[in-house]
């Protein structure tokens, strides 16, 4: 059912994939849910891939079966920053546009990744 401001997928047995693109008139992309696998998907029907899959606690980008919290099957781009993020926490990563280096916060200081 299409509702405002969200979509609700209705399934009696919760084991099939439900696509809603026909209801929306979308040609190149389909949005659906696979209740049997607890998976929300956006499919690109033009090239036959899944640019975004949400499965449980995992997110897949160009990856149908994500195996990690974030599973990217392609390149990733970080927008350059001229300053380090304020109030960082351990493990935060950014690309420094001034030094042209990838940096990670180790819990105490920012370190360049080589």
PDB file of N, CA and C in Angstrom:
ATOM      1  N   UNK A   1       0.842  -1.171   0.000  1.00  0.00           N
ATOM      2  CA  UNK A   1       0.000   0.000   0.000  1.00  0.00           C
ATOM      3  C   UNK A   1       0.885   1.230   0.000  1.00  0.00           C
ATOM      4  N   UNK A   2       0.479   2.242  -0.719  1.00  0.00           N
ATOM      5  CA  UNK A   2       1.212   3.493  -0.695  1.00  0.00           C
ATOM      6  C   UNK A   2       0.535   4.403   0.308  1.00  0.00           C
ATOM      7  N   UNK A   3       1.303   4.878   1.259  1.00  0.00           N
ATOM      8  CA  UNK A   3       0.758   5.748   2.286  1.00  0.00           C
ATOM      9  C   UNK A   3       1.619   6.975   2.428  1.00  0.00           C
ATOM     10  N   UNK A   4       1.180   7.928   3.175  1.00  0.00           N
ATOM     11  CA  UNK A   4       1.968   9.132   3.374  1.00  0.00           C
ATOM     12  C   UNK A   4       2.489   9.150   4.794  1.00  0.00           C
ATOM     13  N   UNK A   5       3.753   9.353   5.036  1.00  0.00           N
ATOM     14  CA  UNK A   5       4.831   9.620   4.089  1.00  0.00           C
ATOM     15  C   UNK A   5       5.680   8.388   3.801  1.00  0.00           C
ATOM     16  N   UNK A   6       5.150   7.192   3.935  1.00  0.00           N
ATOM     17  CA  UNK A   6       5.955   5.984   3.791  1.00  0.00           C
ATOM     18  C   UNK A   6       5.202   4.950   2.965  1.00  0.00           C
ATOM     19  N   UNK A   7       5.918   3.863   2.628  1.00  0.00           N
ATOM     20  CA  UNK A   7       5.320   2.731   1.935  1.00  0.00           C
ATOM     21  C   UNK A   7       5.152   1.606   2.940  1.00  0.00           C
ATOM     22  N   UNK A   8       4.068   0.887   2.859  1.00  0.00           N
ATOM     23  CA  UNK A   8       3.862  -0.265   3.725  1.00  0.00           C
ATOM     24  C   UNK A   8       3.679  -1.480   2.832  1.00  0.00           C
ATOM     25  N   UNK A   9       4.462  -2.523   3.068  1.00  0.00           N
ATOM     26  CA  UNK A   9       4.376  -3.765   2.309  1.00  0.00           C
ATOM     27  C   UNK A   9       3.542  -4.749   3.112  1.00  0.00           C
ATOM     28  N   UNK A  10       2.547  -5.320   2.480  1.00  0.00           N
ATOM     29  CA  UNK A  10       1.648  -6.241   3.161  1.00  0.00           C
ATOM     30  C   UNK A  10       1.884  -7.645   2.617  1.00  0.00           C
ATOM     31  N   UNK A  11       2.177  -8.595   3.493  1.00  0.00           N
ATOM     32  CA  UNK A  11       2.393  -9.983   3.106  1.00  0.00           C
ATOM     33  C   UNK A  11       1.804 -10.883   4.179  1.00  0.00           C
ATOM     34  N   UNK A  12       0.968 -11.817   3.760  1.00  0.00           N
ATOM     35  CA  UNK A  12       0.370 -12.730   4.743  1.00  0.00           C
ATOM     36  C   UNK A  12       1.382 -13.739   5.257  1.00  0.00           C
ATOM     37  N   UNK A  13       2.252 -14.261   4.359  1.00  0.00           N
ATOM     38  CA  UNK A  13       3.196 -15.295   4.781  1.00  0.00           C
ATOM     39  C   UNK A  13       4.609 -14.762   4.997  1.00  0.00           C
ATOM     40  N   UNK A  14       4.879 -13.503   4.615  1.00  0.00           N
ATOM     41  CA  UNK A  14       6.169 -12.860   4.850  1.00  0.00           C
ATOM     42  C   UNK A  14       7.335 -13.614   4.218  1.00  0.00           C
ATOM     43  N   UNK A  15       7.114 -14.272   3.076  1.00  0.00           N
ATOM     44  CA  UNK A  15       8.190 -15.044   2.451  1.00  0.00           C
ATOM     45  C   UNK A  15       8.369 -14.722   0.978  1.00  0.00           C
ATOM     46  N   UNK A  16       7.814 -13.668   0.456  1.00  0.00           N
ATOM     47  CA  UNK A  16       7.984 -13.368  -0.953  1.00  0.00           C
ATOM     48  C   UNK A  16       8.465 -11.931  -1.131  1.00  0.00           C
ATOM     49  N   UNK A  17       8.958 -11.672  -2.342  1.00  0.00           N
ATOM     50  CA  UNK A  17       9.421 -10.340  -2.658  1.00  0.00           C
ATOM     51  C   UNK A  17       8.274  -9.522  -3.215  1.00  0.00           C
ATOM     52  N   UNK A  18       8.089  -8.333  -2.704  1.00  0.00           N
ATOM     53  CA  UNK A  18       7.021  -7.435  -3.147  1.00  0.00           C
ATOM     54  C   UNK A  18       7.666  -6.200  -3.759  1.00  0.00           C
ATOM     55  N   UNK A  19       7.381  -5.934  -5.037  1.00  0.00           N
ATOM     56  CA  UNK A  19       7.892  -4.740  -5.706  1.00  0.00           C
ATOM     57  C   UNK A  19       6.777  -3.721  -5.820  1.00  0.00           C
ATOM     58  N   UNK A  20       7.098  -2.445  -5.658  1.00  0.00           N
ATOM     59  CA  UNK A  20       6.060  -1.423  -5.726  1.00  0.00           C
ATOM     60  C   UNK A  20       6.238  -0.489  -6.919  1.00  0.00           C
ATOM     61  N   UNK A  21       7.216  -0.741  -7.797  1.00  0.00           N
ATOM     62  CA  UNK A  21       7.485   0.201  -8.879  1.00  0.00           C
ATOM     63  C   UNK A  21       6.295   0.348  -9.815  1.00  0.00           C
ATOM     64  N   UNK A  22       5.532  -0.730 -10.036  1.00  0.00           N
ATOM     65  CA  UNK A  22       4.386  -0.628 -10.928  1.00  0.00           C
ATOM     66  C   UNK A  22       3.369   0.357 -10.388  1.00  0.00           C
ATOM     67  N   UNK A  23       3.240   0.437  -9.104  1.00  0.00           N
ATOM     68  CA  UNK A  23       2.290   1.366  -8.484  1.00  0.00           C
ATOM     69  C   UNK A  23       2.762   2.807  -8.600  1.00  0.00           C
ATOM     70  N   UNK A  24       4.093   2.982  -8.714  1.00  0.00           N
ATOM     71  CA  UNK A  24       4.653   4.328  -8.758  1.00  0.00           C
ATOM     72  C   UNK A  24       4.915   4.817 -10.174  1.00  0.00           C
ATOM     73  N   UNK A  25       4.874   3.931 -11.155  1.00  0.00           N
ATOM     74  CA  UNK A  25       5.176   4.313 -12.522  1.00  0.00           C
ATOM     75  C   UNK A  25       6.654   4.542 -12.757  1.00  0.00           C
ATOM     76  N   UNK A  26       7.525   3.874 -11.994  1.00  0.00           N
ATOM     77  CA  UNK A  26       8.975   4.015 -12.126  1.00  0.00           C
ATOM     78  C   UNK A  26       9.456   2.966 -13.116  1.00  0.00           C
ATOM     79  N   UNK A  27      10.233   3.388 -14.121  1.00  0.00           N
ATOM     80  CA  UNK A  27      10.686   2.453 -15.144  1.00  0.00           C
ATOM     81  C   UNK A  27      12.075   1.882 -14.883  1.00  0.00           C
ATOM     82  N   UNK A  28      13.032   2.713 -14.466  1.00  0.00           N
ATOM     83  CA  UNK A  28      14.415   2.268 -14.344  1.00  0.00           C
ATOM     84  C   UNK A  28      14.760   1.645 -13.003  1.00  0.00           C
ATOM     85  N   UNK A  29      14.026   1.958 -11.963  1.00  0.00           N
ATOM     86  CA  UNK A  29      14.324   1.437 -10.634  1.00  0.00           C
ATOM     87  C   UNK A  29      13.093   0.780 -10.037  1.00  0.00           C
ATOM     88  N   UNK A  30      13.329  -0.252  -9.245  1.00  0.00           N
ATOM     89  CA  UNK A  30      12.256  -0.886  -8.492  1.00  0.00           C
ATOM     90  C   UNK A  30      12.633  -0.838  -7.022  1.00  0.00           C
ATOM     91  N   UNK A  31      11.646  -0.655  -6.180  1.00  0.00           N
ATOM     92  CA  UNK A  31      11.831  -0.655  -4.737  1.00  0.00           C
ATOM     93  C   UNK A  31      11.034  -1.833  -4.205  1.00  0.00           C
ATOM     94  N   UNK A  32      11.660  -2.657  -3.362  1.00  0.00           N
ATOM     95  CA  UNK A  32      10.943  -3.818  -2.873  1.00  0.00           C
ATOM     96  C   UNK A  32      11.466  -4.329  -1.559  1.00  0.00           C
ATOM     97  N   UNK A  33      10.749  -5.311  -1.043  1.00  0.00           N
ATOM     98  CA  UNK A  33      11.136  -5.941   0.213  1.00  0.00           C
ATOM     99  C   UNK A  33      11.016  -7.442   0.039  1.00  0.00           C
ATOM    100  N   UNK A  34      11.998  -8.152   0.547  1.00  0.00           N
ATOM    101  CA  UNK A  34      12.004  -9.604   0.552  1.00  0.00           C
ATOM    102  C   UNK A  34      11.788 -10.010   1.998  1.00  0.00           C
ATOM    103  N   UNK A  35      10.532 -10.264   2.346  1.00  0.00           N
ATOM    104  CA  UNK A  35      10.187 -10.555   3.731  1.00  0.00           C
ATOM    105  C   UNK A  35      10.846 -11.806   4.276  1.00  0.00           C
ATOM    106  N   UNK A  36      11.074 -12.810   3.420  1.00  0.00           N
ATOM    107  CA  UNK A  36      11.699 -14.050   3.872  1.00  0.00           C
ATOM    108  C   UNK A  36      13.129 -13.861   4.319  1.00  0.00           C
ATOM    109  N   UNK A  37      13.819 -12.852   3.763  1.00  0.00           N
ATOM    110  CA  UNK A  37      15.212 -12.593   4.107  1.00  0.00           C
ATOM    111  C   UNK A  37      15.409 -11.285   4.855  1.00  0.00           C
ATOM    112  N   UNK A  38      14.309 -10.624   5.248  1.00  0.00           N
ATOM    113  CA  UNK A  38      14.400  -9.346   5.950  1.00  0.00           C
ATOM    114  C   UNK A  38      15.284  -8.375   5.183  1.00  0.00           C
ATOM    115  N   UNK A  39      15.003  -8.242   3.870  1.00  0.00           N
ATOM    116  CA  UNK A  39      15.854  -7.457   2.975  1.00  0.00           C
ATOM    117  C   UNK A  39      15.010  -6.395   2.254  1.00  0.00           C
ATOM    118  N   UNK A  40      15.449  -5.126   2.322  1.00  0.00           N
ATOM    119  CA  UNK A  40      14.865  -4.026   1.568  1.00  0.00           C
ATOM    120  C   UNK A  40      15.800  -3.752   0.409  1.00  0.00           C
ATOM    121  N   UNK A  41      15.267  -3.588  -0.811  1.00  0.00           N
ATOM    122  CA  UNK A  41      16.117  -3.474  -1.989  1.00  0.00           C
ATOM    123  C   UNK A  41      15.667  -2.351  -2.900  1.00  0.00           C
ATOM    124  N   UNK A  42      16.635  -1.732  -3.562  1.00  0.00           N
ATOM    125  CA  UNK A  42      16.383  -0.869  -4.702  1.00  0.00           C
ATOM    126  C   UNK A  42      17.120  -1.521  -5.859  1.00  0.00           C
ATOM    127  N   UNK A  43      16.402  -1.843  -6.918  1.00  0.00           N
ATOM    128  CA  UNK A  43      16.992  -2.518  -8.069  1.00  0.00           C
ATOM    129  C   UNK A  43      17.019  -1.577  -9.257  1.00  0.00           C
ATOM    130  N   UNK A  44      18.119  -1.589  -9.996  1.00  0.00           N
ATOM    131  CA  UNK A  44      18.223  -0.844 -11.246  1.00  0.00           C
ATOM    132  C   UNK A  44      17.903  -1.811 -12.367  1.00  0.00           C
ATOM    133  N   UNK A  45      16.706  -1.716 -12.934  1.00  0.00           N
ATOM    134  CA  UNK A  45      16.268  -2.673 -13.953  1.00  0.00           C
ATOM    135  C   UNK A  45      16.951  -2.430 -15.290  1.00  0.00           C
ATOM    136  N   UNK A  46      17.525  -1.259 -15.504  1.00  0.00           N
ATOM    137  CA  UNK A  46      18.217  -0.969 -16.759  1.00  0.00           C
ATOM    138  C   UNK A  46      19.484  -1.803 -16.892  1.00  0.00           C
ATOM    139  N   UNK A  47      20.261  -1.916 -15.817  1.00  0.00           N
ATOM    140  CA  UNK A  47      21.508  -2.678 -15.870  1.00  0.00           C
ATOM    141  C   UNK A  47      21.437  -3.985 -15.084  1.00  0.00           C
ATOM    142  N   UNK A  48      20.344  -4.229 -14.400  1.00  0.00           N
ATOM    143  CA  UNK A  48      20.145  -5.500 -13.709  1.00  0.00           C
ATOM    144  C   UNK A  48      20.958  -5.680 -12.438  1.00  0.00           C
ATOM    145  N   UNK A  49      21.166  -4.626 -11.660  1.00  0.00           N
ATOM    146  CA  UNK A  49      21.886  -4.782 -10.399  1.00  0.00           C
ATOM    147  C   UNK A  49      21.077  -4.189  -9.251  1.00  0.00           C
ATOM    148  N   UNK A  50      21.637  -4.295  -8.059  1.00  0.00           N
ATOM    149  CA  UNK A  50      20.995  -3.795  -6.851  1.00  0.00           C
ATOM    150  C   UNK A  50      21.917  -2.764  -6.217  1.00  0.00           C
ATOM    151  N   UNK A  51      21.746  -1.462  -6.565  1.00  0.00           N
ATOM    152  CA  UNK A  51      22.647  -0.456  -6.007  1.00  0.00           C
ATOM    153  C   UNK A  51      22.534  -0.285  -4.499  1.00  0.00           C
ATOM    154  N   UNK A  52      21.385  -0.676  -3.911  1.00  0.00           N
ATOM    155  CA  UNK A  52      21.242  -0.541  -2.463  1.00  0.00           C
ATOM    156  C   UNK A  52      20.434  -1.701  -1.920  1.00  0.00           C
ATOM    157  N   UNK A  53      21.003  -2.387  -0.932  1.00  0.00           N
ATOM    158  CA  UNK A  53      20.323  -3.483  -0.241  1.00  0.00           C
ATOM    159  C   UNK A  53      20.505  -3.266   1.256  1.00  0.00           C
ATOM    160  N   UNK A  54      19.414  -3.286   1.993  1.00  0.00           N
ATOM    161  CA  UNK A  54      19.458  -3.221   3.454  1.00  0.00           C
ATOM    162  C   UNK A  54      18.988  -4.573   3.956  1.00  0.00           C
ATOM    163  N   UNK A  55      19.876  -5.303   4.608  1.00  0.00           N
ATOM    164  CA  UNK A  55      19.557  -6.643   5.093  1.00  0.00           C
ATOM    165  C   UNK A  55      19.928  -6.744   6.562  1.00  0.00           C
ATOM    166  N   UNK A  56      18.915  -6.786   7.425  1.00  0.00           N
ATOM    167  CA  UNK A  56      19.180  -6.809   8.863  1.00  0.00           C
ATOM    168  C   UNK A  56      19.951  -5.569   9.254  1.00  0.00           C
ATOM    169  N   UNK A  57      21.135  -5.762   9.823  1.00  0.00           N
ATOM    170  CA  UNK A  57      21.979  -4.636  10.231  1.00  0.00           C
ATOM    171  C   UNK A  57      23.049  -4.308   9.195  1.00  0.00           C
ATOM    172  N   UNK A  58      22.972  -4.910   8.014  1.00  0.00           N
ATOM    173  CA  UNK A  58      23.982  -4.710   6.976  1.00  0.00           C
ATOM    174  C   UNK A  58      23.443  -3.869   5.830  1.00  0.00           C
ATOM    175  N   UNK A  59      24.327  -3.061   5.235  1.00  0.00           N
ATOM    176  CA  UNK A  59      24.002  -2.256   4.061  1.00  0.00           C
ATOM    177  C   UNK A  59      24.918  -2.705   2.938  1.00  0.00           C
ATOM    178  N   UNK A  60      24.333  -3.012   1.792  1.00  0.00           N
ATOM    179  CA  UNK A  60      25.109  -3.380   0.619  1.00  0.00           C
ATOM    180  C   UNK A  60      24.975  -2.326  -0.458  1.00  0.00           C
ATOM    181  N   UNK A  61      26.095  -1.852  -0.980  1.00  0.00           N
ATOM    182  CA  UNK A  61      26.101  -0.926  -2.100  1.00  0.00           C
ATOM    183  C   UNK A  61      26.702  -1.686  -3.274  1.00  0.00           C
ATOM    184  N   UNK A  62      25.887  -1.914  -4.302  1.00  0.00           N
ATOM    185  CA  UNK A  62      26.241  -2.775  -5.433  1.00  0.00           C
ATOM    186  C   UNK A  62      26.624  -4.174  -4.946  1.00  0.00           C
ATOM    187  N   UNK A  63      26.017  -4.614  -3.861  1.00  0.00           N
ATOM    188  CA  UNK A  63      26.280  -5.926  -3.269  1.00  0.00           C
ATOM    189  C   UNK A  63      24.961  -6.495  -2.782  1.00  0.00           C
ATOM    190  N   UNK A  64      24.496  -7.596  -3.402  1.00  0.00           N
ATOM    191  CA  UNK A  64      23.190  -8.160  -3.076  1.00  0.00           C
ATOM    192  C   UNK A  64      23.156  -8.827  -1.704  1.00  0.00           C
ATOM    193  N   UNK A  65      24.242  -9.478  -1.299  1.00  0.00           N
ATOM    194  CA  UNK A  65      24.306 -10.164  -0.008  1.00  0.00           C
ATOM    195  C   UNK A  65      25.391  -9.534   0.869  1.00  0.00           C
ATOM    196  N   UNK A  66      25.108  -8.396   1.505  1.00  0.00           N
ATOM    197  CA  UNK A  66      26.144  -7.734   2.314  1.00  0.00           C
ATOM    198  C   UNK A  66      26.591  -8.610   3.476  1.00  0.00           C
ATOM    199  N   UNK A  67      27.911  -8.648   3.684  1.00  0.00           N
ATOM    200  CA  UNK A  67      28.505  -9.486   4.726  1.00  0.00           C
ATOM    201  C   UNK A  67      29.076  -8.670   5.878  1.00  0.00           C
ATOM    202  N   UNK A  68      28.896  -7.346   5.850  1.00  0.00           N
ATOM    203  CA  UNK A  68      29.424  -6.476   6.903  1.00  0.00           C
ATOM    204  C   UNK A  68      28.445  -5.326   7.116  1.00  0.00           C
ATOM    205  N   UNK A  69      28.699  -4.533   8.141  1.00  0.00           N
ATOM    206  CA  UNK A  69      27.825  -3.387   8.399  1.00  0.00           C
ATOM    207  C   UNK A  69      27.685  -2.517   7.160  1.00  0.00           C
ATOM    208  N   UNK A  70      28.789  -2.293   6.458  1.00  0.00           N
ATOM    209  CA  UNK A  70      28.782  -1.588   5.185  1.00  0.00           C
ATOM    210  C   UNK A  70      29.643  -2.386   4.218  1.00  0.00           C
ATOM    211  N   UNK A  71      29.036  -2.894   3.154  1.00  0.00           N
ATOM    212  CA  UNK A  71      29.726  -3.731   2.175  1.00  0.00           C
ATOM    213  C   UNK A  71      29.598  -3.049   0.821  1.00  0.00           C
ATOM    214  N   UNK A  72      30.710  -2.513   0.316  1.00  0.00           N
ATOM    215  CA  UNK A  72      30.721  -1.773  -0.943  1.00  0.00           C
ATOM    216  C   UNK A  72      31.427  -2.609  -1.991  1.00  0.00           C
ATOM    217  N   UNK A  73      30.751  -2.842  -3.104  1.00  0.00           N
ATOM    218  CA  UNK A  73      31.328  -3.609  -4.198  1.00  0.00           C
ATOM    219  C   UNK A  73      31.642  -2.658  -5.345  1.00  0.00           C
ATOM    220  N   UNK A  74      32.557  -1.746  -5.106  1.00  0.00           N
ATOM    221  CA  UNK A  74      32.968  -0.783  -6.109  1.00  0.00           C
ATOM    222  C   UNK A  74      33.847   0.248  -5.424  1.00  0.00           C
ATOM    223  N   UNK A  75      34.045   1.368  -6.064  1.00  0.00           N
ATOM    224  CA  UNK A  75      34.845   2.439  -5.482  1.00  0.00           C
ATOM    225  C   UNK A  75      34.026   3.220  -4.469  1.00  0.00           C
ATOM    226  N   UNK A  76      34.732   3.890  -3.577  1.00  0.00           N
ATOM    227  CA  UNK A  76      34.097   4.764  -2.602  1.00  0.00           C
ATOM    228  C   UNK A  76      34.815   6.109  -2.670  1.00  0.00           C
ATOM    229  N   UNK A  77      34.079   7.191  -2.613  1.00  0.00           N
ATOM    230  CA  UNK A  77      34.689   8.520  -2.642  1.00  0.00           C
ATOM    231  C   UNK A  77      34.336   9.274  -1.378  1.00  0.00           C
ATOM    232  N   UNK A  78      35.364   9.825  -0.752  1.00  0.00           N
ATOM    233  CA  UNK A  78      35.188  10.719   0.388  1.00  0.00           C
ATOM    234  C   UNK A  78      35.445  12.130  -0.101  1.00  0.00           C
ATOM    235  N   UNK A  79      34.536  13.042   0.174  1.00  0.00           N
ATOM    236  CA  UNK A  79      34.748  14.438  -0.203  1.00  0.00           C
ATOM    237  C   UNK A  79      35.874  15.010   0.653  1.00  0.00           C
ATOM    238  N   UNK A  80      36.824  15.702   0.036  1.00  0.00           N
ATOM    239  CA  UNK A  80      37.922  16.302   0.803  1.00  0.00           C
ATOM    240  C   UNK A  80      37.419  17.349   1.790  1.00  0.00           C
ATOM    241  N   UNK A  81      38.078  17.388   2.936  1.00  0.00           N
ATOM    242  CA  UNK A  81      37.804  18.401   3.962  1.00  0.00           C
ATOM    243  C   UNK A  81      39.077  19.193   4.177  1.00  0.00           C
ATOM    244  N   UNK A  82      38.937  20.473   4.505  1.00  0.00           N
ATOM    245  CA  UNK A  82      40.118  21.297   4.764  1.00  0.00           C
ATOM    246  C   UNK A  82      40.526  21.260   6.233  1.00  0.00           C
ATOM    247  N   UNK A  83      39.606  20.801   7.099  1.00  0.00           N
ATOM    248  CA  UNK A  83      39.919  20.691   8.524  1.00  0.00           C
ATOM    249  C   UNK A  83      39.417  19.353   9.051  1.00  0.00           C
ATOM    250  N   UNK A  84      40.046  18.906  10.121  1.00  0.00           N
ATOM    251  CA  UNK A  84      39.618  17.655  10.751  1.00  0.00           C
ATOM    252  C   UNK A  84      38.248  17.847  11.401  1.00  0.00           C
ATOM    253  N   UNK A  85      37.434  16.787  11.431  1.00  0.00           N
ATOM    254  CA  UNK A  85      36.142  16.889  12.109  1.00  0.00           C
ATOM    255  C   UNK A  85      36.323  17.225  13.588  1.00  0.00           C
ATOM    256  N   UNK A  86      35.432  18.059  14.118  1.00  0.00           N
ATOM    257  CA  UNK A  86      35.512  18.406  15.535  1.00  0.00           C
ATOM    258  C   UNK A  86      34.911  17.282  16.367  1.00  0.00           C
ATOM    259  N   UNK A  87      35.357  17.141  17.580  1.00  0.00           N
ATOM    260  CA  UNK A  87      34.887  16.109  18.514  1.00  0.00           C
ATOM    261  C   UNK A  87      34.947  14.708  17.909  1.00  0.00           C
ATOM    262  N   UNK A  88      36.122  14.290  17.412  1.00  0.00           N
ATOM    263  CA  UNK A  88      36.217  12.966  16.796  1.00  0.00           C
ATOM    264  C   UNK A  88      36.171  11.846  17.829  1.00  0.00           C
ATOM    265  N   UNK A  89      35.781  10.671  17.359  1.00  0.00           N
ATOM    266  CA  UNK A  89      35.838   9.458  18.173  1.00  0.00           C
ATOM    267  C   UNK A  89      36.766   8.466  17.478  1.00  0.00           C
ATOM    268  N   UNK A  90      37.302   7.557  18.246  1.00  0.00           N
ATOM    269  CA  UNK A  90      38.253   6.583  17.720  1.00  0.00           C
ATOM    270  C   UNK A  90      37.677   5.851  16.508  1.00  0.00           C
ATOM    271  N   UNK A  91      38.487   5.796  15.437  1.00  0.00           N
ATOM    272  CA  UNK A  91      38.088   5.093  14.226  1.00  0.00           C
ATOM    273  C   UNK A  91      37.497   5.983  13.145  1.00  0.00           C
ATOM    274  N   UNK A  92      37.256   7.262  13.447  1.00  0.00           N
ATOM    275  CA  UNK A  92      36.713   8.179  12.449  1.00  0.00           C
ATOM    276  C   UNK A  92      37.748   8.398  11.347  1.00  0.00           C
ATOM    277  N   UNK A  93      37.312   8.393  10.091  1.00  0.00           N
ATOM    278  CA  UNK A  93      38.201   8.529   8.939  1.00  0.00           C
ATOM    279  C   UNK A  93      37.719   9.687   8.080  1.00  0.00           C
ATOM    280  N   UNK A  94      38.667  10.457   7.536  1.00  0.00           N
ATOM    281  CA  UNK A  94      38.326  11.501   6.567  1.00  0.00           C
ATOM    282  C   UNK A  94      39.490  11.699   5.605  1.00  0.00           C
ATOM    283  N   UNK A  95      39.188  12.340   4.452  1.00  0.00           N
ATOM    284  CA  UNK A  95      40.226  12.667   3.477  1.00  0.00           C
ATOM    285  C   UNK A  95      40.575  14.134   3.633  1.00  0.00           C
ATOM    286  N   UNK A  96      41.859  14.408   3.950  1.00  0.00           N
ATOM    287  CA  UNK A  96      42.331  15.769   4.158  1.00  0.00           C
ATOM    288  C   UNK A  96      42.697  16.373   2.805  1.00  0.00           C
ATOM    289  N   UNK A  97      41.921  17.367   2.368  1.00  0.00           N
ATOM    290  CA  UNK A  97      42.152  18.003   1.080  1.00  0.00           C
ATOM    291  C   UNK A  97      43.393  18.881   1.054  1.00  0.00           C
ATOM    292  N   UNK A  98      43.889  19.286   2.209  1.00  0.00           N
ATOM    293  CA  UNK A  98      45.095  20.115   2.272  1.00  0.00           C
ATOM    294  C   UNK A  98      46.358  19.279   2.106  1.00  0.00           C
ATOM    295  N   UNK A  99      46.405  18.136   2.793  1.00  0.00           N
ATOM    296  CA  UNK A  99      47.600  17.273   2.721  1.00  0.00           C
ATOM    297  C   UNK A  99      47.451  16.173   1.679  1.00  0.00           C
ATOM    298  N   UNK A 100      46.225  16.004   1.155  1.00  0.00           N
ATOM    299  CA  UNK A 100      45.923  14.958   0.171  1.00  0.00           C
ATOM    300  C   UNK A 100      46.200  13.566   0.741  1.00  0.00           C
ATOM    301  N   UNK A 101      45.784  13.371   2.005  1.00  0.00           N
ATOM    302  CA  UNK A 101      45.983  12.086   2.668  1.00  0.00           C
ATOM    303  C   UNK A 101      44.715  11.652   3.381  1.00  0.00           C
ATOM    304  N   UNK A 102      44.560  10.357   3.481  1.00  0.00           N
ATOM    305  CA  UNK A 102      43.485   9.760   4.268  1.00  0.00           C
ATOM    306  C   UNK A 102      43.958   9.729   5.712  1.00  0.00           C
ATOM    307  N   UNK A 103      43.087  10.174   6.644  1.00  0.00           N
ATOM    308  CA  UNK A 103      43.482  10.259   8.039  1.00  0.00           C
ATOM    309  C   UNK A 103      42.490   9.508   8.910  1.00  0.00           C
ATOM    310  N   UNK A 104      42.992   8.941  10.004  1.00  0.00           N
ATOM    311  CA  UNK A 104      42.152   8.220  10.958  1.00  0.00           C
ATOM    312  C   UNK A 104      42.466   8.720  12.370  1.00  0.00           C
ATOM    313  N   UNK A 105      41.420   8.808  13.193  1.00  0.00           N
ATOM    314  CA  UNK A 105      41.602   9.236  14.577  1.00  0.00           C
ATOM    315  C   UNK A 105      41.786   7.991  15.438  1.00  0.00           C
ATOM    316  N   UNK A 106      42.908   7.904  16.142  1.00  0.00           N
ATOM    317  CA  UNK A 106      43.233   6.702  16.917  1.00  0.00           C
ATOM    318  C   UNK A 106      42.717   6.760  18.359  1.00  0.00           C
ATOM    319  N   UNK A 107      41.928   7.768  18.678  1.00  0.00           N
ATOM    320  CA  UNK A 107      41.430   7.947  20.035  1.00  0.00           C
ATOM    321  C   UNK A 107      42.152   9.043  20.775  1.00  0.00           C
ATOM    322  N   UNK A 108      43.345   9.415  20.259  1.00  0.00           N
ATOM    323  CA  UNK A 108      44.142  10.478  20.872  1.00  0.00           C
ATOM    324  C   UNK A 108      44.522  11.548  19.846  1.00  0.00           C
ATOM    325  N   UNK A 109      45.034  11.108  18.677  1.00  0.00           N
ATOM    326  CA  UNK A 109      45.476  12.041  17.632  1.00  0.00           C
ATOM    327  C   UNK A 109      45.033  11.532  16.258  1.00  0.00           C
ATOM    328  N   UNK A 110      45.095  12.466  15.284  1.00  0.00           N
ATOM    329  CA  UNK A 110      44.849  12.097  13.888  1.00  0.00           C
ATOM    330  C   UNK A 110      46.139  11.546  13.301  1.00  0.00           C
ATOM    331  N   UNK A 111      46.061  10.408  12.593  1.00  0.00           N
ATOM    332  CA  UNK A 111      47.218   9.805  11.930  1.00  0.00           C
ATOM    333  C   UNK A 111      46.946   9.685  10.461  1.00  0.00           C
ATOM    334  N   UNK A 112      48.010   9.872   9.654  1.00  0.00           N
ATOM    335  CA  UNK A 112      47.903   9.661   8.210  1.00  0.00           C
ATOM    336  C   UNK A 112      47.927   8.167   7.923  1.00  0.00           C
ATOM    337  N   UNK A 113      47.084   7.739   7.008  1.00  0.00           N
ATOM    338  CA  UNK A 113      47.132   6.352   6.553  1.00  0.00           C
ATOM    339  C   UNK A 113      48.005   6.302   5.309  1.00  0.00           C
ATOM    340  N   UNK A 114      48.890   5.337   5.258  1.00  0.00           N
ATOM    341  CA  UNK A 114      49.812   5.246   4.114  1.00  0.00           C
ATOM    342  C   UNK A 114      49.474   4.031   3.293  1.00  0.00           C
TER     343      UNK A 114
END
